[in-house]
Amino acid sequence: LSNDALHSTFANTWNMTIELGDGYTTFKAAGDDPYTWLQAPTCNVLDATYVAIRYRTTAKRSGELFCTRSDNDNIVANNHQWKWNASGEWETIVVSITPWQNAKEGATFNIFRIDPLQANVRAGESIDIQYYAFFSNEADAKGFNFDEYKAKLAYEEEQKRKEEEAAREVNWPDPTFTEQETAADDTN
């Protein structure tokens, strides 16, 4: 993300700074209860029952996810919390975010509120997050390979670019001639 895209993505941020790293985002607390709002993807709530999060931190804190939905905008009723392992190394945690309080079939997300560090946070504590990826089951969440996913997206993007480029090319007729056409030209 560019800095402009970063600030429009995390448009409503409280008590923290957000910085881009090399393939990750650093969330740094400026005080207690730092959070940010994200525009949620349009997907069925029941298709997002697990979240895989790739992170690193030394802060002994929890993370929390809140949402509003098309069938229930009570953000307090729609939250999930987990503990980070404060090893300072890159790790992936898979969190069950089920059940979404009485979610109706076809309900979609409206907004996510992410509290990357939660519970008596001190200014300066930080966490690096590479991704939040949502899945309908635990096996897919645990089996997710971000590098393969990125490579697949890059390949698909390159294929699309090639197809668009090919569509813009002018296809001239093949300039081959029959022997009769060549002989006729020689007589003129």
Protein backbone atom coordinates (compact mmCIF):
# COMPACT_ATOMS: atom_id res chain seq x y z
CA LEU A 1 0.00 0.00 0.00
CA SER A 2 1.11 3.54 -0.64
CA ASN A 3 0.90 5.97 2.28
CA ASP A 4 -2.25 7.50 0.73
CA ALA A 5 -3.83 4.05 0.38
CA LEU A 6 -2.69 3.15 3.90
CA HIS A 7 -4.41 6.16 5.42
CA SER A 8 -7.63 5.60 3.47
CA THR A 9 -7.61 1.89 4.43
CA PHE A 10 -7.16 2.70 8.12
CA ALA A 11 -9.25 5.86 7.96
CA ASN A 12 -10.50 5.80 11.56
CA THR A 13 -7.60 5.11 13.90
CA TRP A 14 -7.42 5.77 17.63
CA ASN A 15 -4.39 5.99 19.92
CA MET A 16 -1.81 4.48 17.56
CA THR A 17 0.39 5.11 14.57
CA ILE A 18 0.45 2.86 11.53
CA GLU A 19 3.57 2.38 9.41
CA LEU A 20 4.33 0.23 6.39
CA GLY A 21 7.20 -2.22 6.64
CA ASP A 22 8.54 -4.58 3.99
CA GLY A 23 5.41 -6.74 3.47
CA TYR A 24 3.80 -5.96 6.82
CA THR A 25 2.17 -3.14 8.79
CA THR A 26 3.37 -1.93 12.19
CA PHE A 27 0.72 -0.83 14.66
CA LYS A 28 2.35 1.23 17.45
CA ALA A 29 0.34 2.25 20.51
CA ALA A 30 0.26 5.91 21.52
CA GLY A 31 -1.78 5.03 24.63
CA ASP A 32 -4.34 2.57 25.96
CA ASP A 33 -6.96 0.85 23.78
CA PRO A 34 -5.48 1.47 20.31
CA TYR A 35 -7.71 0.42 17.42
CA THR A 36 -8.48 0.97 13.77
CA TRP A 37 -11.56 0.52 11.58
CA LEU A 38 -11.35 -1.30 8.28
CA GLN A 39 -13.92 -1.51 5.53
CA ALA A 40 -14.94 -5.15 5.68
CA PRO A 41 -14.94 -7.43 2.66
CA THR A 42 -18.34 -8.23 1.25
CA CYS A 43 -18.73 -11.86 2.15
CA ASN A 44 -21.20 -14.08 3.94
CA VAL A 45 -20.61 -13.89 7.70
CA LEU A 46 -20.92 -17.66 7.96
CA ASP A 47 -18.07 -18.05 5.42
CA ALA A 48 -15.66 -16.25 7.76
CA THR A 49 -15.60 -18.34 10.91
CA TYR A 50 -11.81 -18.59 11.31
CA VAL A 51 -9.09 -15.99 10.93
CA ALA A 52 -5.39 -16.70 10.36
CA ILE A 53 -3.16 -13.82 11.48
CA ARG A 54 0.57 -13.60 10.71
CA TYR A 55 2.28 -11.37 13.29
CA ARG A 56 5.29 -10.66 15.49
CA THR A 57 5.41 -8.79 18.77
CA THR A 58 7.15 -8.63 22.12
CA ALA A 59 4.09 -7.04 23.76
CA LYS A 60 2.37 -9.45 26.17
CA ARG A 61 -1.10 -8.43 25.09
CA SER A 62 -4.27 -9.67 23.44
CA GLY A 63 -5.80 -8.83 20.10
CA GLU A 64 -9.47 -8.26 19.45
CA LEU A 65 -11.77 -8.11 16.45
CA PHE A 66 -15.16 -6.42 16.43
CA CYS A 67 -17.58 -6.13 13.53
CA THR A 68 -20.92 -4.82 12.44
CA ARG A 69 -23.05 -6.91 10.12
CA SER A 70 -25.95 -6.42 7.77
CA ASP A 71 -28.18 -8.34 10.20
CA ASN A 72 -26.76 -7.00 13.51
CA ASP A 73 -24.94 -3.72 14.05
CA ASN A 74 -24.28 -4.31 17.78
CA ILE A 75 -20.50 -4.11 17.74
CA VAL A 76 -20.12 -5.21 21.38
CA ALA A 77 -22.04 -8.44 20.75
CA ASN A 78 -19.85 -9.22 17.72
CA ASN A 79 -16.33 -9.41 19.14
CA HIS A 80 -13.61 -12.04 19.55
CA GLN A 81 -10.39 -11.88 21.58
CA TRP A 82 -7.14 -13.89 21.62
CA LYS A 83 -3.69 -13.76 23.25
CA TRP A 84 -0.55 -13.04 21.24
CA ASN A 85 2.62 -15.05 21.84
CA ALA A 86 5.20 -12.34 22.60
CA SER A 87 8.25 -14.17 21.18
CA GLY A 88 9.36 -11.38 18.85
CA GLU A 89 9.41 -13.94 16.00
CA TRP A 90 7.00 -14.23 13.06
CA GLU A 91 4.14 -16.55 14.01
CA THR A 92 0.70 -17.42 12.69
CA ILE A 93 -2.28 -17.77 14.99
CA VAL A 94 -5.60 -19.27 13.90
CA VAL A 95 -8.56 -17.92 15.84
CA SER A 96 -12.07 -19.32 15.86
CA ILE A 97 -14.46 -16.43 15.43
CA THR A 98 -17.59 -18.56 15.75
CA PRO A 99 -20.31 -18.25 16.47
CA TRP A 100 -21.11 -14.80 15.22
CA GLN A 101 -23.96 -13.94 17.58
CA ASN A 102 -27.01 -15.47 15.86
CA ALA A 103 -25.80 -14.67 12.34
CA LYS A 104 -28.47 -15.11 9.69
CA GLU A 105 -27.78 -16.92 6.42
CA GLY A 106 -26.75 -14.35 3.82
CA ALA A 107 -25.63 -11.75 6.39
CA THR A 108 -22.56 -9.77 5.31
CA PHE A 109 -19.94 -7.76 7.18
CA ASN A 110 -20.10 -3.98 7.19
CA ILE A 111 -17.09 -2.83 9.20
CA PHE A 112 -14.26 -4.46 11.17
CA ARG A 113 -12.69 -2.83 14.20
CA ILE A 114 -9.28 -4.32 14.93
CA ASP A 115 -7.66 -3.80 18.31
CA PRO A 116 -4.17 -5.11 17.51
CA LEU A 117 -3.04 -4.59 21.12
CA GLN A 118 -5.61 -4.73 23.87
CA ALA A 119 -5.69 -4.55 27.71
CA ASN A 120 -3.78 -1.80 29.56
CA VAL A 121 -1.50 -1.00 26.62
CA ARG A 122 1.46 1.30 27.21
CA ALA A 123 2.58 3.89 24.66
CA GLY A 124 5.33 2.50 22.43
CA GLU A 125 4.18 -1.14 22.47
CA SER A 126 3.82 -2.43 18.93
CA ILE A 127 2.89 -5.37 16.75
CA ASP A 128 3.78 -6.13 13.13
CA ILE A 129 0.98 -7.78 11.16
CA GLN A 130 1.51 -9.31 7.73
CA TYR A 131 -2.10 -10.41 7.16
CA TYR A 132 -5.54 -11.22 8.49
CA ALA A 133 -7.03 -13.98 6.29
CA PHE A 134 -10.58 -15.28 6.80
CA PHE A 135 -11.77 -18.85 6.19
CA SER A 136 -14.89 -20.95 6.56
CA ASN A 137 -13.06 -23.81 8.31
CA GLU A 138 -10.08 -24.39 10.58
CA ALA A 139 -8.23 -26.75 8.20
CA ASP A 140 -8.09 -24.12 5.43
CA ALA A 141 -7.01 -21.45 7.93
CA LYS A 142 -4.19 -23.64 9.25
CA GLY A 143 -3.14 -24.71 5.74
CA PHE A 144 -3.00 -21.17 4.31
CA ASN A 145 0.34 -20.32 2.70
CA PHE A 146 0.63 -16.58 2.16
CA ASP A 147 3.64 -16.81 -0.16
CA GLU A 148 1.80 -19.27 -2.45
CA TYR A 149 -1.27 -17.02 -2.35
CA LYS A 150 0.79 -13.96 -3.34
CA ALA A 151 2.50 -15.92 -6.14
CA LYS A 152 -0.88 -17.09 -7.45
CA LEU A 153 -2.22 -13.51 -7.43
CA ALA A 154 0.91 -12.25 -9.23
CA TYR A 155 0.59 -15.00 -11.86
CA GLU A 156 -3.11 -14.22 -12.42
CA GLU A 157 -2.34 -10.51 -12.68
CA GLU A 158 0.41 -11.19 -15.26
CA GLN A 159 -1.92 -13.45 -17.29
CA LYS A 160 -4.60 -10.76 -17.28
CA ARG A 161 -2.04 -8.14 -18.40
CA LYS A 162 -0.90 -10.41 -21.25
CA GLU A 163 -4.50 -11.05 -22.35
CA GLU A 164 -5.26 -7.30 -22.34
CA GLU A 165 -2.07 -6.62 -24.30
CA ALA A 166 -2.92 -9.33 -26.84
CA ALA A 167 -6.41 -7.89 -27.26
CA ARG A 168 -4.90 -4.50 -28.20
CA GLU A 169 -2.60 -5.98 -30.88
CA VAL A 170 -3.65 -5.62 -34.51
CA ASN A 171 -3.79 -8.98 -36.27
CA TRP A 172 -2.77 -8.46 -39.89
CA PRO A 173 -3.63 -11.15 -42.43
CA ASP A 174 -0.88 -13.63 -43.19
CA PRO A 175 1.09 -12.24 -46.17
CA THR A 176 1.60 -15.60 -47.87
CA PHE A 177 0.77 -15.86 -51.54
CA THR A 178 -0.10 -18.78 -53.76
CA GLU A 179 2.13 -19.63 -56.75
CA GLN A 180 -0.55 -18.28 -59.12
CA GLU A 181 -0.65 -14.90 -57.34
CA THR A 182 3.16 -14.68 -57.43
CA ALA A 183 3.27 -15.62 -61.15
CA ALA A 184 0.59 -13.04 -61.94
CA ASP A 185 2.63 -10.35 -60.23
CA ASP A 186 5.73 -11.31 -62.26
CA THR A 187 3.91 -10.75 -65.56
CA ASN A 188 2.89 -7.20 -64.73
